[in-house]
């Protein structure tokens, strides 16, 4: 009996070494897993997911974490169905940020223009120095 078990074990080792794909699904066959996945996908396709649901399904949910903002940010409470956001205050914030950026861009353009004028002056002086040794 012991000899039969040793022979079977040796044959199993040889067979497993020949496999191209390791079976890591436990006792379920690949076909059974495939069928279960197909049924699951069919039920999911009946109800389309929004962006938040997709992100939560893929990444999972973490307590105290806001997508795109990270940790340590206060959580924004969900509004009840039918409540509208204050779009005018959001638009005001957007306009304020735009105006700040516009001023910053103007300052950078002026600085760039001054530097360009200085470089032109220096270049002209260098060229005149080369012509008049």
N, C-alpha and C. Protein backbone atom coordinates (compact mmCIF):
# COMPACT_ATOMS: atom_id res chain seq x y z
N UNK A 1 0.83 -1.20 0.00
CA UNK A 1 0.00 0.00 0.00
C UNK A 1 0.86 1.25 0.00
N UNK A 2 1.88 1.24 0.87
CA UNK A 2 2.77 2.39 0.95
C UNK A 2 3.51 2.60 -0.37
N UNK A 3 3.86 1.55 -1.03
CA UNK A 3 4.56 1.62 -2.32
C UNK A 3 3.65 2.27 -3.39
N UNK A 4 2.39 1.93 -3.35
CA UNK A 4 1.43 2.49 -4.32
C UNK A 4 1.30 4.01 -4.12
N UNK A 5 1.23 4.45 -2.86
CA UNK A 5 1.13 5.87 -2.57
C UNK A 5 2.37 6.63 -3.01
N UNK A 6 3.55 6.05 -2.82
CA UNK A 6 4.79 6.69 -3.25
C UNK A 6 4.83 6.82 -4.77
N UNK A 7 4.40 5.76 -5.48
CA UNK A 7 4.38 5.81 -6.94
C UNK A 7 3.40 6.88 -7.43
N UNK A 8 2.24 6.92 -6.81
CA UNK A 8 1.24 7.91 -7.19
C UNK A 8 1.76 9.33 -6.94
N UNK A 9 2.42 9.54 -5.80
CA UNK A 9 2.97 10.84 -5.46
C UNK A 9 4.03 11.26 -6.48
N UNK A 10 4.88 10.33 -6.87
CA UNK A 10 5.92 10.64 -7.86
C UNK A 10 5.29 11.00 -9.20
N UNK A 11 4.27 10.24 -9.60
CA UNK A 11 3.59 10.53 -10.86
C UNK A 11 2.90 11.90 -10.81
N UNK A 12 2.30 12.24 -9.66
CA UNK A 12 1.65 13.55 -9.51
C UNK A 12 2.67 14.68 -9.63
N UNK A 13 3.84 14.51 -9.07
CA UNK A 13 4.89 15.53 -9.17
C UNK A 13 5.28 15.75 -10.63
N UNK A 14 5.41 14.65 -11.38
CA UNK A 14 5.75 14.76 -12.80
C UNK A 14 4.65 15.48 -13.56
N UNK A 15 3.41 15.12 -13.29
CA UNK A 15 2.28 15.74 -13.97
C UNK A 15 2.19 17.24 -13.67
N UNK A 16 2.37 17.61 -12.41
CA UNK A 16 2.29 19.03 -12.03
C UNK A 16 3.41 19.82 -12.68
N UNK A 17 4.58 19.24 -12.80
CA UNK A 17 5.70 19.96 -13.43
C UNK A 17 5.44 20.22 -14.91
N UNK A 18 4.58 19.43 -15.54
CA UNK A 18 4.27 19.61 -16.96
C UNK A 18 3.21 20.69 -17.21
N UNK A 19 2.48 21.10 -16.15
CA UNK A 19 1.42 22.08 -16.32
C UNK A 19 1.97 23.44 -16.76
N UNK A 20 1.30 24.07 -17.69
CA UNK A 20 1.70 25.39 -18.14
C UNK A 20 1.07 26.47 -17.27
N UNK A 21 -0.11 26.20 -16.73
CA UNK A 21 -0.82 27.15 -15.88
C UNK A 21 -1.12 26.47 -14.56
N UNK A 22 -0.73 27.14 -13.47
CA UNK A 22 -1.01 26.58 -12.15
C UNK A 22 -2.47 26.80 -11.80
N UNK A 23 -3.10 25.80 -11.24
CA UNK A 23 -4.50 25.91 -10.82
C UNK A 23 -4.51 26.40 -9.38
N UNK A 24 -4.94 27.65 -9.21
CA UNK A 24 -4.91 28.23 -7.86
C UNK A 24 -6.31 28.56 -7.35
N UNK A 25 -7.31 27.96 -7.91
CA UNK A 25 -8.68 28.28 -7.53
C UNK A 25 -9.26 27.29 -6.53
N UNK A 26 -8.44 26.49 -5.94
CA UNK A 26 -8.95 25.54 -4.97
C UNK A 26 -9.62 24.37 -5.65
N UNK A 27 -10.76 23.94 -5.12
CA UNK A 27 -11.44 22.77 -5.65
C UNK A 27 -12.30 23.07 -6.88
N UNK A 28 -12.55 24.37 -7.16
CA UNK A 28 -13.39 24.72 -8.31
C UNK A 28 -12.59 24.60 -9.61
N UNK A 29 -13.24 24.07 -10.63
CA UNK A 29 -12.59 23.96 -11.93
C UNK A 29 -12.60 25.31 -12.63
N UNK A 30 -11.74 25.44 -13.63
CA UNK A 30 -11.69 26.68 -14.40
C UNK A 30 -13.04 26.96 -15.06
N UNK A 31 -13.68 25.94 -15.57
CA UNK A 31 -14.98 26.11 -16.23
C UNK A 31 -16.02 26.62 -15.25
N UNK A 32 -16.04 26.08 -14.05
CA UNK A 32 -17.00 26.51 -13.05
C UNK A 32 -16.75 27.97 -12.66
N UNK A 33 -15.48 28.35 -12.50
CA UNK A 33 -15.15 29.75 -12.19
C UNK A 33 -15.56 30.67 -13.33
N UNK A 34 -15.31 30.24 -14.55
CA UNK A 34 -15.68 31.04 -15.72
C UNK A 34 -17.19 31.26 -15.76
N UNK A 35 -17.96 30.21 -15.51
CA UNK A 35 -19.42 30.32 -15.51
C UNK A 35 -19.90 31.29 -14.42
N UNK A 36 -19.30 31.22 -13.22
CA UNK A 36 -19.68 32.12 -12.14
C UNK A 36 -19.37 33.57 -12.50
N UNK A 37 -18.21 33.79 -13.11
CA UNK A 37 -17.83 35.14 -13.51
C UNK A 37 -18.77 35.68 -14.58
N UNK A 38 -19.17 34.82 -15.52
CA UNK A 38 -20.09 35.25 -16.59
C UNK A 38 -21.44 35.63 -16.00
N UNK A 39 -21.94 34.86 -15.02
CA UNK A 39 -23.21 35.19 -14.38
C UNK A 39 -23.11 36.51 -13.62
N UNK A 40 -22.00 36.70 -12.94
CA UNK A 40 -21.79 37.93 -12.17
C UNK A 40 -21.75 39.15 -13.09
N UNK A 41 -21.05 39.03 -14.21
CA UNK A 41 -20.98 40.13 -15.15
C UNK A 41 -22.34 40.42 -15.76
N UNK A 42 -23.13 39.39 -16.02
CA UNK A 42 -24.46 39.58 -16.60
C UNK A 42 -25.35 40.36 -15.63
N UNK A 43 -25.27 40.06 -14.35
CA UNK A 43 -26.09 40.78 -13.37
C UNK A 43 -25.60 42.22 -13.21
N UNK A 44 -24.31 42.44 -13.32
CA UNK A 44 -23.77 43.79 -13.17
C UNK A 44 -24.11 44.66 -14.38
N UNK A 45 -24.21 44.07 -15.54
CA UNK A 45 -24.49 44.84 -16.74
C UNK A 45 -25.93 45.35 -16.75
N UNK A 46 -26.79 44.76 -15.97
CA UNK A 46 -28.17 45.19 -15.93
C UNK A 46 -28.31 46.54 -15.23
N UNK A 47 -27.44 46.82 -14.27
CA UNK A 47 -27.48 48.10 -13.55
C UNK A 47 -26.18 48.85 -13.82
N UNK A 48 -26.22 49.90 -14.65
CA UNK A 48 -24.99 50.64 -14.96
C UNK A 48 -24.48 51.37 -13.71
N UNK A 49 -23.17 51.41 -13.57
CA UNK A 49 -22.55 52.04 -12.42
C UNK A 49 -22.12 53.46 -12.76
N UNK A 50 -22.18 54.34 -11.77
CA UNK A 50 -21.66 55.68 -11.99
C UNK A 50 -20.17 55.69 -11.61
N UNK A 51 -19.51 56.82 -11.81
CA UNK A 51 -18.06 56.91 -11.60
C UNK A 51 -17.67 56.58 -10.16
N UNK A 52 -18.43 57.07 -9.20
CA UNK A 52 -18.10 56.81 -7.80
C UNK A 52 -18.19 55.33 -7.46
N UNK A 53 -19.21 54.64 -8.00
CA UNK A 53 -19.37 53.22 -7.73
C UNK A 53 -18.23 52.42 -8.35
N UNK A 54 -17.80 52.81 -9.55
CA UNK A 54 -16.70 52.11 -10.21
C UNK A 54 -15.42 52.27 -9.41
N UNK A 55 -15.14 53.48 -8.97
CA UNK A 55 -13.93 53.73 -8.18
C UNK A 55 -13.97 52.94 -6.89
N UNK A 56 -15.13 52.92 -6.23
CA UNK A 56 -15.26 52.18 -4.99
C UNK A 56 -15.10 50.68 -5.21
N UNK A 57 -15.64 50.15 -6.32
CA UNK A 57 -15.50 48.73 -6.62
C UNK A 57 -14.04 48.37 -6.89
N UNK A 58 -13.34 49.23 -7.63
CA UNK A 58 -11.97 48.92 -8.01
C UNK A 58 -11.01 49.15 -6.85
N UNK A 59 -11.10 50.31 -6.21
CA UNK A 59 -10.15 50.67 -5.16
C UNK A 59 -10.62 50.32 -3.76
N UNK A 60 -11.90 50.12 -3.60
CA UNK A 60 -12.44 49.87 -2.28
C UNK A 60 -12.67 51.19 -1.58
N UNK A 61 -13.32 51.16 -0.44
CA UNK A 61 -13.56 52.40 0.30
C UNK A 61 -12.69 52.41 1.54
N UNK A 62 -12.21 53.63 1.87
CA UNK A 62 -11.38 53.79 3.06
C UNK A 62 -11.98 54.89 3.92
N UNK A 63 -12.10 54.61 5.18
CA UNK A 63 -12.65 55.58 6.10
C UNK A 63 -11.71 56.78 6.22
N UNK A 64 -12.26 57.99 6.15
CA UNK A 64 -11.45 59.19 6.30
C UNK A 64 -10.69 59.59 5.06
N UNK A 65 -11.03 59.01 3.91
CA UNK A 65 -10.32 59.30 2.66
C UNK A 65 -11.30 59.84 1.64
N UNK A 66 -10.91 60.95 0.99
CA UNK A 66 -11.73 61.53 -0.06
C UNK A 66 -10.98 61.39 -1.36
N UNK A 67 -11.63 60.82 -2.37
CA UNK A 67 -10.99 60.59 -3.67
C UNK A 67 -10.46 61.90 -4.24
N UNK A 68 -9.18 61.90 -4.60
CA UNK A 68 -8.57 63.07 -5.21
C UNK A 68 -8.04 64.08 -4.21
N UNK A 69 -8.34 63.92 -2.92
CA UNK A 69 -7.86 64.87 -1.93
C UNK A 69 -6.99 64.21 -0.86
N UNK A 70 -7.09 62.91 -0.71
CA UNK A 70 -6.25 62.21 0.24
C UNK A 70 -6.81 62.22 1.64
N UNK A 71 -5.92 61.97 2.59
CA UNK A 71 -6.32 61.89 4.00
C UNK A 71 -6.35 63.27 4.63
N UNK A 72 -6.86 63.35 5.81
CA UNK A 72 -6.86 64.55 6.65
C UNK A 72 -7.67 65.69 6.05
N UNK A 73 -8.56 65.40 5.15
CA UNK A 73 -9.46 66.41 4.62
C UNK A 73 -10.83 66.15 5.24
N UNK A 74 -11.54 67.20 5.60
CA UNK A 74 -12.87 66.96 6.17
C UNK A 74 -13.80 66.35 5.13
N UNK A 75 -14.53 65.36 5.55
CA UNK A 75 -15.45 64.68 4.63
C UNK A 75 -16.64 65.59 4.34
N UNK A 76 -17.02 65.62 3.08
CA UNK A 76 -18.18 66.42 2.67
C UNK A 76 -19.41 65.54 2.83
N UNK A 77 -20.37 65.97 3.62
CA UNK A 77 -21.55 65.12 3.81
C UNK A 77 -22.36 65.04 2.52
N UNK A 78 -22.92 63.87 2.30
CA UNK A 78 -23.75 63.68 1.10
C UNK A 78 -25.07 64.41 1.29
N UNK A 79 -25.50 65.07 0.20
CA UNK A 79 -26.77 65.79 0.25
C UNK A 79 -27.91 64.83 -0.03
N UNK A 80 -29.04 65.09 0.57
CA UNK A 80 -30.21 64.25 0.27
C UNK A 80 -30.63 64.45 -1.18
N UNK A 81 -31.31 63.46 -1.70
CA UNK A 81 -31.77 63.51 -3.09
C UNK A 81 -32.64 64.74 -3.31
N UNK A 82 -32.33 65.49 -4.38
CA UNK A 82 -33.12 66.67 -4.70
C UNK A 82 -32.49 67.96 -4.21
N UNK A 83 -31.51 67.90 -3.32
CA UNK A 83 -30.87 69.12 -2.83
C UNK A 83 -29.89 69.61 -3.89
N UNK A 84 -29.87 70.91 -4.13
CA UNK A 84 -28.99 71.46 -5.15
C UNK A 84 -27.77 72.09 -4.50
N UNK A 85 -26.65 72.09 -5.22
CA UNK A 85 -25.44 72.70 -4.70
C UNK A 85 -25.50 74.20 -4.95
N UNK A 86 -24.74 74.94 -4.22
CA UNK A 86 -24.70 76.38 -4.38
C UNK A 86 -23.74 76.70 -5.51
N UNK A 87 -24.26 76.65 -6.74
CA UNK A 87 -23.42 76.83 -7.91
C UNK A 87 -22.90 78.25 -8.01
N UNK A 88 -23.63 79.22 -7.49
CA UNK A 88 -23.15 80.60 -7.57
C UNK A 88 -21.92 80.80 -6.70
N UNK A 89 -21.89 80.20 -5.52
CA UNK A 89 -20.71 80.34 -4.65
C UNK A 89 -19.52 79.61 -5.27
N UNK A 90 -19.77 78.49 -5.89
CA UNK A 90 -18.69 77.76 -6.56
C UNK A 90 -18.17 78.58 -7.73
N UNK A 91 -19.06 79.19 -8.48
CA UNK A 91 -18.65 80.01 -9.61
C UNK A 91 -17.85 81.22 -9.13
N UNK A 92 -18.25 81.80 -8.00
CA UNK A 92 -17.51 82.92 -7.43
C UNK A 92 -16.09 82.51 -7.07
N UNK A 93 -15.96 81.33 -6.48
CA UNK A 93 -14.63 80.84 -6.12
C UNK A 93 -13.78 80.62 -7.36
N UNK A 94 -14.37 80.07 -8.40
CA UNK A 94 -13.65 79.83 -9.64
C UNK A 94 -13.19 81.15 -10.25
N UNK A 95 -14.09 82.14 -10.26
CA UNK A 95 -13.74 83.46 -10.80
C UNK A 95 -12.62 84.11 -10.00
N UNK A 96 -12.66 83.95 -8.69
CA UNK A 96 -11.62 84.53 -7.84
C UNK A 96 -10.26 83.90 -8.14
N UNK A 97 -10.23 82.59 -8.27
CA UNK A 97 -8.97 81.90 -8.58
C UNK A 97 -8.47 82.31 -9.96
N UNK A 98 -9.38 82.43 -10.93
CA UNK A 98 -8.99 82.87 -12.27
C UNK A 98 -8.36 84.25 -12.24
N UNK A 99 -8.97 85.14 -11.49
CA UNK A 99 -8.46 86.51 -11.40
C UNK A 99 -7.07 86.54 -10.76
N UNK A 100 -6.88 85.75 -9.70
CA UNK A 100 -5.56 85.66 -9.06
C UNK A 100 -4.52 85.15 -10.06
N UNK A 101 -4.88 84.16 -10.81
CA UNK A 101 -3.95 83.60 -11.79
C UNK A 101 -3.68 84.60 -12.92
N UNK A 102 -4.71 85.34 -13.31
CA UNK A 102 -4.52 86.34 -14.35
C UNK A 102 -3.50 87.40 -13.91
N UNK A 103 -3.61 87.85 -12.65
CA UNK A 103 -2.65 88.83 -12.12
C UNK A 103 -1.25 88.24 -12.08
N UNK A 104 -1.16 87.00 -11.67
CA UNK A 104 0.16 86.34 -11.59
C UNK A 104 0.77 86.21 -12.98
N UNK A 105 -0.03 85.87 -13.96
CA UNK A 105 0.45 85.74 -15.34
C UNK A 105 0.94 87.10 -15.86
N UNK A 106 0.19 88.15 -15.56
CA UNK A 106 0.60 89.49 -16.00
C UNK A 106 1.95 89.88 -15.38
N UNK A 107 2.12 89.59 -14.10
CA UNK A 107 3.40 89.90 -13.44
C UNK A 107 4.54 89.13 -14.10
N UNK A 108 4.32 87.87 -14.40
CA UNK A 108 5.36 87.07 -15.04
C UNK A 108 5.68 87.57 -16.44
N UNK A 109 4.66 88.01 -17.18
CA UNK A 109 4.89 88.56 -18.51
C UNK A 109 5.73 89.83 -18.44
N UNK A 110 5.40 90.71 -17.47
CA UNK A 110 6.17 91.94 -17.30
C UNK A 110 7.62 91.62 -16.95
N UNK A 111 7.82 90.69 -16.04
CA UNK A 111 9.18 90.30 -15.64
C UNK A 111 9.94 89.74 -16.83
N UNK A 112 9.29 88.90 -17.60
CA UNK A 112 9.89 88.31 -18.79
C UNK A 112 10.26 89.38 -19.80
N UNK A 113 9.39 90.35 -19.98
CA UNK A 113 9.64 91.43 -20.92
C UNK A 113 10.85 92.26 -20.49
N UNK A 114 10.95 92.58 -19.20
CA UNK A 114 12.11 93.33 -18.68
C UNK A 114 13.41 92.55 -18.90
N UNK A 115 13.37 91.27 -18.59
CA UNK A 115 14.57 90.45 -18.77
C UNK A 115 14.98 90.39 -20.23
N UNK A 116 14.02 90.29 -21.13
CA UNK A 116 14.31 90.24 -22.56
C UNK A 116 14.94 91.55 -23.03
N UNK A 117 14.42 92.69 -22.56
CA UNK A 117 15.00 93.98 -22.92
C UNK A 117 16.43 94.10 -22.42
N UNK A 118 16.68 93.65 -21.18
CA UNK A 118 18.04 93.69 -20.62
C UNK A 118 18.98 92.82 -21.45
N UNK A 119 18.53 91.66 -21.83
CA UNK A 119 19.38 90.75 -22.62
C UNK A 119 19.68 91.37 -23.99
N UNK A 120 18.71 92.03 -24.60
CA UNK A 120 18.95 92.69 -25.89
C UNK A 120 19.99 93.79 -25.76
N UNK A 121 19.87 94.60 -24.68
CA UNK A 121 20.84 95.67 -24.45
C UNK A 121 22.25 95.10 -24.31
N UNK A 122 22.38 94.04 -23.51
CA UNK A 122 23.69 93.43 -23.31
C UNK A 122 24.24 92.85 -24.61
N UNK A 123 23.35 92.25 -25.41
CA UNK A 123 23.78 91.68 -26.68
C UNK A 123 24.27 92.78 -27.63
N UNK A 124 23.56 93.90 -27.66
CA UNK A 124 23.98 95.02 -28.52
C UNK A 124 25.32 95.56 -28.05
N UNK A 125 25.51 95.68 -26.74
CA UNK A 125 26.78 96.15 -26.21
C UNK A 125 27.91 95.21 -26.56
N UNK A 126 27.66 93.90 -26.48
CA UNK A 126 28.69 92.92 -26.81
C UNK A 126 29.05 92.99 -28.30
N UNK A 127 28.03 93.16 -29.15
CA UNK A 127 28.28 93.24 -30.60
C UNK A 127 29.06 94.51 -30.94
N UNK A 128 28.74 95.61 -30.28
CA UNK A 128 29.47 96.86 -30.52
C UNK A 128 30.91 96.73 -30.03
N UNK A 129 31.11 96.03 -28.95
CA UNK A 129 32.46 95.80 -28.43
C UNK A 129 33.27 94.96 -29.40
N UNK A 130 32.64 94.05 -30.11
CA UNK A 130 33.35 93.22 -31.08
C UNK A 130 33.71 94.04 -32.35
N UNK A 131 32.85 94.94 -32.71
CA UNK A 131 33.09 95.75 -33.90
C UNK A 131 34.13 96.83 -33.66
N UNK A 132 34.13 97.39 -32.45
CA UNK A 132 35.05 98.45 -32.10
C UNK A 132 36.05 97.95 -31.05
N UNK A 133 37.10 97.32 -31.49
CA UNK A 133 38.05 96.78 -30.51
C UNK A 133 38.91 97.84 -29.87
